[in-house]
C-alpha atoms as a PDB file:
ATOM      1  CA  MET A   1      86.308 110.734 106.614  1.00  0.00           C
ATOM      2  CA  ILE A   2      84.394 111.278 109.846  1.00  0.00           C
ATOM      3  CA  LEU A   3      85.660 110.242 113.253  1.00  0.00           C
ATOM      4  CA  HIS A   4      83.476 110.989 116.238  1.00  0.00           C
ATOM      5  CA  GLY A   5      85.803 111.933 119.094  1.00  0.00           C
ATOM      6  CA  LYS A   6      89.183 110.383 119.643  1.00  0.00           C
ATOM      7  CA  LYS A   7      89.865 106.798 118.619  1.00  0.00           C
ATOM      8  CA  ARG A   8      92.648 104.572 119.856  1.00  0.00           C
ATOM      9  CA  ILE A   9      94.066 101.920 117.573  1.00  0.00           C
ATOM     10  CA  ALA A  10      96.457  99.103 118.466  1.00  0.00           C
ATOM     11  CA  ALA A  11      98.162  97.829 115.319  1.00  0.00           C
ATOM     12  CA  ILE A  12     100.008  94.529 115.576  1.00  0.00           C
ATOM     13  CA  ASP A  13     102.455  93.347 112.927  1.00  0.00           C
ATOM     14  CA  ILE A  14     103.137  89.613 113.261  1.00  0.00           C
ATOM     15  CA  GLY A  15     106.318  89.325 111.262  1.00  0.00           C
ATOM     16  CA  THR A  16     108.650  86.465 110.437  1.00  0.00           C
ATOM     17  CA  ASN A  17     111.494  87.790 112.604  1.00  0.00           C
ATOM     18  CA  SER A  18     109.722  90.023 115.124  1.00  0.00           C
ATOM     19  CA  PHE A  19     106.348  91.100 116.479  1.00  0.00           C
ATOM     20  CA  HIS A  20     105.527  94.810 116.650  1.00  0.00           C
ATOM     21  CA  LEU A  21     102.788  96.747 118.410  1.00  0.00           C
ATOM     22  CA  ILE A  22     101.985 100.422 118.177  1.00  0.00           C
ATOM     23  CA  ILE A  23      99.135 102.114 119.983  1.00  0.00           C
ATOM     24  CA  ALA A  24      98.020 105.416 118.546  1.00  0.00           C
ATOM     25  CA  GLU A  25      95.308 107.936 119.251  1.00  0.00           C
ATOM     26  CA  VAL A  26      93.545 109.504 116.298  1.00  0.00           C
ATOM     27  CA  ASN A  27      91.732 112.831 116.726  1.00  0.00           C
ATOM     28  CA  GLU A  28      88.791 114.125 114.720  1.00  0.00           C
ATOM     29  CA  ASP A  29      91.109 115.628 112.091  1.00  0.00           C
ATOM     30  CA  GLY A  30      92.805 112.280 111.517  1.00  0.00           C
ATOM     31  CA  GLU A  31      96.016 113.357 113.242  1.00  0.00           C
ATOM     32  CA  LEU A  32      98.053 110.675 114.947  1.00  0.00           C
ATOM     33  CA  LYS A  33      99.532 110.648 118.445  1.00  0.00           C
ATOM     34  CA  LEU A  34     101.710 107.675 119.368  1.00  0.00           C
ATOM     35  CA  LEU A  35     100.893 106.387 122.855  1.00  0.00           C
ATOM     36  CA  ASP A  36     103.010 103.258 123.089  1.00  0.00           C
ATOM     37  CA  ARG A  37     105.116 100.825 121.088  1.00  0.00           C
ATOM     38  CA  GLN A  38     106.528  97.368 121.751  1.00  0.00           C
ATOM     39  CA  ARG A  39     108.777  94.998 119.832  1.00  0.00           C
ATOM     40  CA  GLU A  40     109.632  91.386 120.519  1.00  0.00           C
ATOM     41  CA  PHE A  41     112.118  89.347 118.521  1.00  0.00           C
ATOM     42  CA  LEU A  42     110.345  86.101 117.721  1.00  0.00           C
ATOM     43  CA  ARG A  43     110.814  83.960 114.626  1.00  0.00           C
ATOM     44  CA  LEU A  44     108.011  81.946 113.092  1.00  0.00           C
ATOM     45  CA  GLY A  45     108.518  78.964 110.794  1.00  0.00           C
ATOM     46  CA  SER A  46     112.221  78.733 111.648  1.00  0.00           C
ATOM     47  CA  GLU A  47     112.454  75.509 113.631  1.00  0.00           C
ATOM     48  CA  PHE A  48     111.693  73.084 110.795  1.00  0.00           C
ATOM     49  CA  GLY A  49     112.910  73.079 107.198  1.00  0.00           C
ATOM     50  CA  GLU A  50     114.109  76.051 105.183  1.00  0.00           C
ATOM     51  CA  ASP A  51     110.901  77.265 103.586  1.00  0.00           C
ATOM     52  CA  LEU A  52     108.942  78.759 106.540  1.00  0.00           C
ATOM     53  CA  SER A  53     106.199  76.218 105.916  1.00  0.00           C
ATOM     54  CA  PHE A  54     105.360  75.174 109.494  1.00  0.00           C
ATOM     55  CA  ILE A  55     104.917  77.026 112.776  1.00  0.00           C
ATOM     56  CA  SER A  56     106.118  74.766 115.597  1.00  0.00           C
ATOM     57  CA  ASP A  57     104.302  74.284 118.893  1.00  0.00           C
ATOM     58  CA  ASN A  58     107.151  76.086 120.630  1.00  0.00           C
ATOM     59  CA  GLU A  59     106.898  79.067 118.275  1.00  0.00           C
ATOM     60  CA  LYS A  60     103.121  79.099 118.669  1.00  0.00           C
ATOM     61  CA  ALA A  61     103.375  79.131 122.481  1.00  0.00           C
ATOM     62  CA  LYS A  62     105.878  82.015 122.397  1.00  0.00           C
ATOM     63  CA  ALA A  63     103.697  83.931 119.936  1.00  0.00           C
ATOM     64  CA  ILE A  64     100.623  83.529 122.148  1.00  0.00           C
ATOM     65  CA  SER A  65     102.595  84.754 125.172  1.00  0.00           C
ATOM     66  CA  VAL A  66     103.753  87.876 123.325  1.00  0.00           C
ATOM     67  CA  LEU A  67     100.282  88.564 121.916  1.00  0.00           C
ATOM     68  CA  LYS A  68      98.703  88.201 125.369  1.00  0.00           C
ATOM     69  CA  ASN A  69     100.983  90.969 126.562  1.00  0.00           C
ATOM     70  CA  PHE A  70     100.118  93.088 123.539  1.00  0.00           C
ATOM     71  CA  SER A  71      96.409  92.530 124.204  1.00  0.00           C
ATOM     72  CA  THR A  72      96.810  93.564 127.849  1.00  0.00           C
ATOM     73  CA  LEU A  73      98.541  96.784 126.775  1.00  0.00           C
ATOM     74  CA  ALA A  74      95.846  97.524 124.194  1.00  0.00           C
ATOM     75  CA  LYS A  75      93.130  97.027 126.813  1.00  0.00           C
ATOM     76  CA  TYR A  76      94.964  99.336 129.217  1.00  0.00           C
ATOM     77  CA  HIS A  77      94.883 102.055 126.558  1.00  0.00           C
ATOM     78  CA  LYS A  78      91.273 101.151 125.589  1.00  0.00           C
ATOM     79  CA  ALA A  79      92.445 100.660 122.009  1.00  0.00           C
ATOM     80  CA  ASN A  80      90.811  98.660 119.226  1.00  0.00           C
ATOM     81  CA  ILE A  81      93.143  95.958 117.915  1.00  0.00           C
ATOM     82  CA  ARG A  82      93.945  95.127 114.306  1.00  0.00           C
ATOM     83  CA  ALA A  83      96.532  92.377 113.904  1.00  0.00           C
ATOM     84  CA  VAL A  84      98.050  91.473 110.551  1.00  0.00           C
ATOM     85  CA  SER A  85     100.417  88.629 109.771  1.00  0.00           C
ATOM     86  CA  THR A  86     102.857  88.413 106.920  1.00  0.00           C
ATOM     87  CA  SER A  87     105.103  85.898 105.176  1.00  0.00           C
ATOM     88  CA  ALA A  88     105.633  83.202 107.820  1.00  0.00           C
ATOM     89  CA  VAL A  89     101.950  82.894 108.720  1.00  0.00           C
ATOM     90  CA  ARG A  90     100.560  83.182 105.196  1.00  0.00           C
ATOM     91  CA  GLU A  91     102.910  80.420 103.994  1.00  0.00           C
ATOM     92  CA  ALA A  92     102.554  78.067 106.955  1.00  0.00           C
ATOM     93  CA  ASN A  93     100.752  74.803 106.279  1.00  0.00           C
ATOM     94  CA  ASN A  94      99.211  75.065 109.742  1.00  0.00           C
ATOM     95  CA  LYS A  95      98.283  78.756 109.571  1.00  0.00           C
ATOM     96  CA  THR A  96      94.586  78.061 110.282  1.00  0.00           C
ATOM     97  CA  GLU A  97      95.492  76.143 113.429  1.00  0.00           C
ATOM     98  CA  PHE A  98      97.847  78.962 114.488  1.00  0.00           C
ATOM     99  CA  ILE A  99      95.248  81.688 113.917  1.00  0.00           C
ATOM    100  CA  GLU A 100      92.560  79.731 115.777  1.00  0.00           C
ATOM    101  CA  ALA A 101      94.895  79.074 118.722  1.00  0.00           C
ATOM    102  CA  VAL A 102      95.821  82.757 118.942  1.00  0.00           C
ATOM    103  CA  PHE A 103      92.160  83.797 118.937  1.00  0.00           C
ATOM    104  CA  LYS A 104      91.226  81.201 121.555  1.00  0.00           C
ATOM    105  CA  GLU A 105      94.055  82.203 123.911  1.00  0.00           C
ATOM    106  CA  THR A 106      94.185  85.973 123.369  1.00  0.00           C
ATOM    107  CA  GLY A 107      90.938  87.068 121.723  1.00  0.00           C
ATOM    108  CA  ILE A 108      92.982  88.606 118.882  1.00  0.00           C
ATOM    109  CA  LYS A 109      91.737  87.988 115.351  1.00  0.00           C
ATOM    110  CA  VAL A 110      94.798  87.615 113.140  1.00  0.00           C
ATOM    111  CA  GLU A 111      94.336  88.809 109.579  1.00  0.00           C
ATOM    112  CA  THR A 112      96.630  87.160 107.054  1.00  0.00           C
ATOM    113  CA  ILE A 113      97.422  89.667 104.318  1.00  0.00           C
ATOM    114  CA  GLU A 114      98.858  88.930 100.895  1.00  0.00           C
ATOM    115  CA  GLY A 115     102.185  90.358  99.783  1.00  0.00           C
ATOM    116  CA  THR A 116     100.714  93.069  97.548  1.00  0.00           C
ATOM    117  CA  GLU A 117      98.491  94.369 100.358  1.00  0.00           C
ATOM    118  CA  GLU A 118     101.458  94.275 102.721  1.00  0.00           C
ATOM    119  CA  ALA A 119     103.445  96.366 100.227  1.00  0.00           C
ATOM    120  CA  ASN A 120     100.648  98.914  99.848  1.00  0.00           C
ATOM    121  CA  LEU A 121     100.241  99.264 103.618  1.00  0.00           C
ATOM    122  CA  ILE A 122     104.003  99.741 104.015  1.00  0.00           C
ATOM    123  CA  PHE A 123     103.943 102.516 101.428  1.00  0.00           C
ATOM    124  CA  LEU A 124     101.019 104.138 103.225  1.00  0.00           C
ATOM    125  CA  GLY A 125     103.173 104.197 106.341  1.00  0.00           C
ATOM    126  CA  MET A 126     106.162 105.590 104.441  1.00  0.00           C
ATOM    127  CA  LYS A 127     104.303 108.475 102.861  1.00  0.00           C
ATOM    128  CA  ASN A 128     102.982 109.523 106.259  1.00  0.00           C
ATOM    129  CA  ALA A 129     106.525 109.506 107.652  1.00  0.00           C
ATOM    130  CA  LEU A 130     108.365 111.381 104.901  1.00  0.00           C
ATOM    131  CA  PRO A 131     107.547 114.216 102.450  1.00  0.00           C
ATOM    132  CA  ILE A 132     107.331 112.057  99.320  1.00  0.00           C
ATOM    133  CA  ASN A 133     103.962 113.078  97.902  1.00  0.00           C
ATOM    134  CA  ASP A 134     105.668 115.115  95.175  1.00  0.00           C
ATOM    135  CA  LYS A 135     108.556 112.697  94.607  1.00  0.00           C
ATOM    136  CA  SER A 136     109.426 109.612  92.594  1.00  0.00           C
ATOM    137  CA  VAL A 137     110.607 107.018  95.118  1.00  0.00           C
ATOM    138  CA  LEU A 138     111.266 103.318  95.510  1.00  0.00           C
ATOM    139  CA  GLY A 139     110.159 101.949  98.868  1.00  0.00           C
ATOM    140  CA  ILE A 140     112.002  98.863 100.131  1.00  0.00           C
ATOM    141  CA  ASP A 141     111.042  96.922 103.240  1.00  0.00           C
ATOM    142  CA  ILE A 142     113.257  93.909 104.003  1.00  0.00           C
ATOM    143  CA  GLY A 143     111.483  91.525 106.339  1.00  0.00           C
ATOM    144  CA  GLY A 144     112.270  88.086 107.669  1.00  0.00           C
ATOM    145  CA  GLY A 145     110.402  86.164 104.991  1.00  0.00           C
ATOM    146  CA  SER A 146     109.874  88.609 102.132  1.00  0.00           C
ATOM    147  CA  THR A 147     110.937  91.964 100.758  1.00  0.00           C
ATOM    148  CA  GLU A 148     108.439  94.513  99.503  1.00  0.00           C
ATOM    149  CA  PHE A 149     109.225  96.845  96.597  1.00  0.00           C
ATOM    150  CA  ILE A 150     106.955  99.834  96.003  1.00  0.00           C
ATOM    151  CA  TYR A 151     107.486 102.386  93.266  1.00  0.00           C
ATOM    152  CA  GLY A 152     105.554 105.517  94.120  1.00  0.00           C
ATOM    153  CA  VAL A 153     105.102 108.670  92.066  1.00  0.00           C
ATOM    154  CA  ASN A 154     103.524 111.725  93.689  1.00  0.00           C
ATOM    155  CA  GLY A 155     102.260 109.644  96.594  1.00  0.00           C
ATOM    156  CA  SER A 156     100.597 106.918  94.516  1.00  0.00           C
ATOM    157  CA  PRO A 157     102.045 103.420  94.041  1.00  0.00           C
ATOM    158  CA  VAL A 158     102.793 102.474  90.430  1.00  0.00           C
ATOM    159  CA  PHE A 159     103.646  98.957  91.535  1.00  0.00           C
ATOM    160  CA  ALA A 160     103.624  97.347  94.971  1.00  0.00           C
ATOM    161  CA  GLU A 161     105.108  93.858  94.955  1.00  0.00           C
ATOM    162  CA  SER A 162     106.364  91.279  97.435  1.00  0.00           C
ATOM    163  CA  VAL A 163     109.285  88.939  96.683  1.00  0.00           C
ATOM    164  CA  LYS A 164     110.079  85.831  98.728  1.00  0.00           C
ATOM    165  CA  VAL A 165     113.517  86.958  99.796  1.00  0.00           C
ATOM    166  CA  GLY A 166     113.899  87.883 103.446  1.00  0.00           C
ATOM    167  CA  ALA A 167     116.674  87.875 106.019  1.00  0.00           C
ATOM    168  CA  VAL A 168     115.434  84.797 107.882  1.00  0.00           C
ATOM    169  CA  ARG A 169     114.431  82.855 104.772  1.00  0.00           C
ATOM    170  CA  LEU A 170     117.780  83.426 103.026  1.00  0.00           C
ATOM    171  CA  SER A 171     119.785  82.723 106.172  1.00  0.00           C
ATOM    172  CA  LYS A 172     118.058  79.349 106.530  1.00  0.00           C
ATOM    173  CA  LYS A 173     118.608  78.563 102.854  1.00  0.00           C
ATOM    174  CA  PHE A 174     122.207  79.732 102.379  1.00  0.00           C
ATOM    175  CA  PHE A 175     123.707  80.263 105.833  1.00  0.00           C
ATOM    176  CA  PRO A 176     122.067  77.636 108.082  1.00  0.00           C
ATOM    177  CA  HIS A 177     124.811  77.984 110.705  1.00  0.00           C
ATOM    178  CA  PHE A 178     124.934  81.776 110.191  1.00  0.00           C
ATOM    179  CA  VAL A 179     128.557  81.572 109.018  1.00  0.00           C
ATOM    180  CA  ILE A 180     129.174  83.327 105.706  1.00  0.00           C
ATOM    181  CA  THR A 181     131.704  82.531 102.986  1.00  0.00           C
ATOM    182  CA  GLU A 182     132.442  84.215  99.669  1.00  0.00           C
ATOM    183  CA  SER A 183     130.930  81.343  97.678  1.00  0.00           C
ATOM    184  CA  LEU A 184     127.733  81.313  99.760  1.00  0.00           C
ATOM    185  CA  ILE A 185     127.428  85.100  99.477  1.00  0.00           C
ATOM    186  CA  LYS A 186     127.752  84.763  95.683  1.00  0.00           C
ATOM    187  CA  ASP A 187     125.091  82.034  95.562  1.00  0.00           C
ATOM    188  CA  CYS A 188     122.728  84.042  97.748  1.00  0.00           C
ATOM    189  CA  THR A 189     123.257  87.224  95.712  1.00  0.00           C
ATOM    190  CA  GLU A 190     122.481  85.450  92.444  1.00  0.00           C
ATOM    191  CA  TYR A 191     119.351  83.920  93.984  1.00  0.00           C
ATOM    192  CA  VAL A 192     118.097  87.326  95.171  1.00  0.00           C
ATOM    193  CA  GLU A 193     118.559  88.835  91.711  1.00  0.00           C
ATOM    194  CA  GLN A 194     116.774  85.894  90.114  1.00  0.00           C
ATOM    195  CA  GLN A 195     113.796  86.133  92.470  1.00  0.00           C
ATOM    196  CA  ILE A 196     113.377  89.874  91.918  1.00  0.00           C
ATOM    197  CA  GLN A 197     113.610  89.558  88.141  1.00  0.00           C
ATOM    198  CA  LEU A 198     111.091  86.706  88.081  1.00  0.00           C
ATOM    199  CA  ASN A 199     108.419  89.251  89.039  1.00  0.00           C
ATOM    200  CA  ASP A 200     107.558  90.907  85.740  1.00  0.00           C
ATOM    201  CA  LYS A 201     105.586  93.670  87.496  1.00  0.00           C
ATOM    202  CA  ILE A 202     108.749  95.024  89.078  1.00  0.00           C
ATOM    203  CA  GLN A 203     110.438  97.560  86.826  1.00  0.00           C
ATOM    204  CA  THR A 204     114.093  98.327  87.513  1.00  0.00           C
ATOM    205  CA  ASN A 205     114.739 101.150  85.045  1.00  0.00           C
ATOM    206  CA  LEU A 206     113.153 103.859  87.165  1.00  0.00           C
ATOM    207  CA  ASN A 207     113.603 107.603  87.428  1.00  0.00           C
ATOM    208  CA  LEU A 208     114.084 108.010  91.178  1.00  0.00           C
ATOM    209  CA  ASP A 209     114.549 111.042  93.380  1.00  0.00           C
ATOM    210  CA  PHE A 210     115.695 108.635  96.105  1.00  0.00           C
ATOM    211  CA  ALA A 211     114.791 105.329  97.749  1.00  0.00           C
ATOM    212  CA  VAL A 212     112.953 104.892 101.032  1.00  0.00           C
ATOM    213  CA  GLY A 213     113.912 102.019 103.317  1.00  0.00           C
ATOM    214  CA  SER A 214     112.153 100.663 106.379  1.00  0.00           C
ATOM    215  CA  SER A 215     112.541  97.876 108.945  1.00  0.00           C
ATOM    216  CA  GLY A 216     115.520  96.134 110.513  1.00  0.00           C
ATOM    217  CA  THR A 217     118.171  95.995 107.800  1.00  0.00           C
ATOM    218  CA  VAL A 218     117.913  99.679 106.930  1.00  0.00           C
ATOM    219  CA  ASP A 219     117.631 100.607 110.626  1.00  0.00           C
ATOM    220  CA  THR A 220     120.904  98.740 111.176  1.00  0.00           C
ATOM    221  CA  ILE A 221     122.715 100.600 108.387  1.00  0.00           C
ATOM    222  CA  CYS A 222     121.634 103.926 109.909  1.00  0.00           C
ATOM    223  CA  LEU A 223     122.674 102.899 113.418  1.00  0.00           C
ATOM    224  CA  ILE A 224     126.102 101.689 112.250  1.00  0.00           C
ATOM    225  CA  LYS A 225     126.651 104.923 110.308  1.00  0.00           C
ATOM    226  CA  GLN A 226     125.622 106.969 113.331  1.00  0.00           C
ATOM    227  CA  PHE A 227     128.154 105.198 115.556  1.00  0.00           C
ATOM    228  CA  GLN A 228     130.914 105.292 112.930  1.00  0.00           C
ATOM    229  CA  ASN A 229     130.470 109.041 112.416  1.00  0.00           C
ATOM    230  CA  LYS A 230     130.280 109.568 116.169  1.00  0.00           C
ATOM    231  CA  ASP A 231     127.008 111.390 115.596  1.00  0.00           C
ATOM    232  CA  GLU A 232     124.753 112.289 118.471  1.00  0.00           C
ATOM    233  CA  ILE A 233     122.771 109.136 119.221  1.00  0.00           C
ATOM    234  CA  LYS A 234     119.136 109.886 118.489  1.00  0.00           C
ATOM    235  CA  PRO A 235     116.268 107.732 119.758  1.00  0.00           C
ATOM    236  CA  ARG A 236     114.366 108.327 116.527  1.00  0.00           C
ATOM    237  CA  LEU A 237     116.049 108.106 113.130  1.00  0.00           C
ATOM    238  CA  ASN A 238     113.198 108.965 110.760  1.00  0.00           C
ATOM    239  CA  GLY A 239     114.630 110.753 107.729  1.00  0.00           C
ATOM    240  CA  TYR A 240     118.206 109.554 108.344  1.00  0.00           C
ATOM    241  CA  THR A 241     120.019 109.281 105.014  1.00  0.00           C
ATOM    242  CA  PHE A 242     122.905 107.297 103.576  1.00  0.00           C
ATOM    243  CA  ASP A 243     124.275 107.173 100.049  1.00  0.00           C
ATOM    244  CA  LYS A 244     125.563 104.263  97.992  1.00  0.00           C
ATOM    245  CA  SER A 245     129.221 104.696  98.897  1.00  0.00           C
ATOM    246  CA  GLU A 246     128.389 104.827 102.618  1.00  0.00           C
ATOM    247  CA  PHE A 247     126.326 101.675 102.301  1.00  0.00           C
ATOM    248  CA  ASP A 248     129.042  99.910 100.282  1.00  0.00           C
ATOM    249  CA  ASP A 249     131.614 100.693 102.986  1.00  0.00           C
ATOM    250  CA  ILE A 250     129.380  99.341 105.744  1.00  0.00           C
ATOM    251  CA  TYR A 251     128.479  96.309 103.627  1.00  0.00           C
ATOM    252  CA  SER A 252     132.147  95.441 103.010  1.00  0.00           C
ATOM    253  CA  PHE A 253     133.008  95.808 106.685  1.00  0.00           C
ATOM    254  CA  VAL A 254     130.097  93.749 108.045  1.00  0.00           C
ATOM    255  CA  MET A 255     130.420  91.043 105.387  1.00  0.00           C
ATOM    256  CA  SER A 256     134.071  90.563 106.369  1.00  0.00           C
ATOM    257  CA  LEU A 257     132.832  89.337 109.763  1.00  0.00           C
ATOM    258  CA  LYS A 258     132.145  85.680 109.187  1.00  0.00           C
ATOM    259  CA  ASN A 259     130.117  84.661 112.251  1.00  0.00           C
ATOM    260  CA  PRO A 260     127.443  86.170 114.515  1.00  0.00           C
ATOM    261  CA  SER A 261     129.749  86.681 117.510  1.00  0.00           C
ATOM    262  CA  GLU A 262     132.030  88.912 115.401  1.00  0.00           C
ATOM    263  CA  ARG A 263     129.080  90.836 113.972  1.00  0.00           C
ATOM    264  CA  MET A 264     127.544  91.224 117.428  1.00  0.00           C
ATOM    265  CA  SER A 265     130.523  93.339 118.486  1.00  0.00           C
ATOM    266  CA  VAL A 266     129.729  96.040 115.897  1.00  0.00           C
ATOM    267  CA  PRO A 267     128.025  99.091 117.465  1.00  0.00           C
ATOM    268  CA  GLY A 268     124.627  99.392 115.808  1.00  0.00           C
ATOM    269  CA  ILE A 269     124.036  95.675 115.192  1.00  0.00           C
ATOM    270  CA  GLU A 270     121.524  94.268 117.652  1.00  0.00           C
ATOM    271  CA  ALA A 271     122.543  90.971 119.206  1.00  0.00           C
ATOM    272  CA  LYS A 272     119.343  89.236 118.086  1.00  0.00           C
ATOM    273  CA  ARG A 273     119.852  90.391 114.505  1.00  0.00           C
ATOM    274  CA  ALA A 274     123.569  89.573 114.187  1.00  0.00           C
ATOM    275  CA  ASP A 275     122.914  86.084 112.805  1.00  0.00           C
ATOM    276  CA  ILE A 276     120.656  87.109 109.906  1.00  0.00           C
ATOM    277  CA  ILE A 277     121.968  90.588 109.051  1.00  0.00           C
ATOM    278  CA  PRO A 278     124.263  89.391 106.191  1.00  0.00           C
ATOM    279  CA  ALA A 279     121.230  88.112 104.271  1.00  0.00           C
ATOM    280  CA  GLY A 280     119.467  91.439 104.732  1.00  0.00           C
ATOM    281  CA  PHE A 281     122.560  93.288 103.533  1.00  0.00           C
ATOM    282  CA  ILE A 282     122.756  91.073 100.432  1.00  0.00           C
ATOM    283  CA  ILE A 283     119.150  91.905  99.523  1.00  0.00           C
ATOM    284  CA  LEU A 284     119.764  95.621 100.004  1.00  0.00           C
ATOM    285  CA  LYS A 285     123.009  95.601  98.008  1.00  0.00           C
ATOM    286  CA  LYS A 286     121.331  93.844  95.098  1.00  0.00           C
ATOM    287  CA  ALA A 287     118.474  96.380  95.252  1.00  0.00           C
ATOM    288  CA  PHE A 288     120.982  99.266  95.115  1.00  0.00           C
ATOM    289  CA  GLU A 289     122.520  97.706  92.007  1.00  0.00           C
ATOM    290  CA  LEU A 290     119.369  96.649  90.154  1.00  0.00           C
ATOM    291  CA  PHE A 291     117.498  99.916  90.701  1.00  0.00           C
ATOM    292  CA  ASN A 292     120.582 102.147  90.445  1.00  0.00           C
ATOM    293  CA  ILE A 293     119.878 103.689  93.847  1.00  0.00           C
ATOM    294  CA  LYS A 294     122.065 106.652  94.768  1.00  0.00           C
ATOM    295  CA  LYS A 295     120.518 107.612  98.120  1.00  0.00           C
ATOM    296  CA  MET A 296     118.256 105.955 100.685  1.00  0.00           C
ATOM    297  CA  VAL A 297     116.175 107.652 103.388  1.00  0.00           C
ATOM    298  CA  LEU A 298     114.927 105.791 106.452  1.00  0.00           C
ATOM    299  CA  SER A 299     111.198 105.703 107.142  1.00  0.00           C
ATOM    300  CA  GLU A 300     110.392 104.779 110.724  1.00  0.00           C
ATOM    301  CA  TYR A 301     106.831 104.109 109.603  1.00  0.00           C
ATOM    302  CA  ALA A 302     106.200 100.789 107.908  1.00  0.00           C
ATOM    303  CA  LEU A 303     103.499  98.103 108.018  1.00  0.00           C
ATOM    304  CA  ARG A 304     102.013  98.698 111.481  1.00  0.00           C
ATOM    305  CA  GLU A 305     101.761 102.453 110.918  1.00  0.00           C
ATOM    306  CA  GLY A 306     100.264 101.754 107.511  1.00  0.00           C
ATOM    307  CA  VAL A 307      97.616  99.634 109.235  1.00  0.00           C
ATOM    308  CA  VAL A 308      96.718 102.586 111.460  1.00  0.00           C
ATOM    309  CA  PHE A 309      96.488 105.044 108.566  1.00  0.00           C
ATOM    310  CA  ASP A 310      94.465 102.519 106.582  1.00  0.00           C
ATOM    311  CA  LEU A 311      91.937 102.404 109.395  1.00  0.00           C
ATOM    312  CA  ILE A 312      91.879 106.189 109.581  1.00  0.00           C
ATOM    313  CA  ASN A 313      91.212 106.372 105.843  1.00  0.00           C
ATOM    314  CA  LYS A 314      88.376 103.862 106.138  1.00  0.00           C
ATOM    315  CA  GLY A 315      86.824 105.717 109.044  1.00  0.00           C
ATOM    316  CA  ASN A 316      84.432 104.296 111.593  1.00  0.00           C
ATOM    317  CA  ARG A 317      83.464 101.395 109.366  1.00  0.00           C
ATOM    318  CA  ALA A 318      86.831  99.743 110.037  1.00  0.00           C
ATOM    319  CA  ILE A 319      87.289 100.660 113.672  1.00  0.00           C
END
């Protein structure tokens, strides 16, 4: 790949639960230098129904406001923008209207990517964050609307699949008031297992060195563990590890807290994630069981970083 001089890329991930921006500078050797990052909690498709099928006018207005700020920051850094949207936008009945409104108001062209491409881009981010090019790993990214499962051997994905189970989607379906009960947890757990097993491309009997997790649910596990162990609080947690017994202990503790106000008091749980975190934990627990995961390592790189590395790999044609 040839890059003439330094290039600056602004990658925007328009998620179901939050919007992310990273701005990176790429030198001629393809090395990455992070210049800025932003995150805004903003849910799409949450105001009406349980199936993320419609982006409300209120959600659209908030999204445009956030993306205007992202665009301003990208222009300040003289960075080329690539914006990708995931589950909530690709499933919305009014996605075309949303994308056109965003472009009209911000000048940002939103690219709606399918679940398999999302999974592949996430894995591209993961393998640039962690030394997994000689490993057998299962990548798991739990989002608001979907969860991506990527089995990679020696740096290449064997399968990269997206399943419509996410922390926002499941909360709306099973915990609409964000209060959890044993019977609802059981129903949600069975649904997650069913949805994963419906995808015949996802193999569960895998020979894994370890699993790699990214995004909010896994971040939260690592933060809770860090506080519980009274570890030195680190601003960056890439490579942070927890095993199955550590996860099970945290799961049992958090799932004993029945409402968001109780969960909000736990060090490591962000206030704006306290309502939906049980659903994310249920997905992760079922993944630990189905894939017989013994250890998980946090990747701080996920979709937006994958977008940047994808552009690097494509060279000037994509930038």
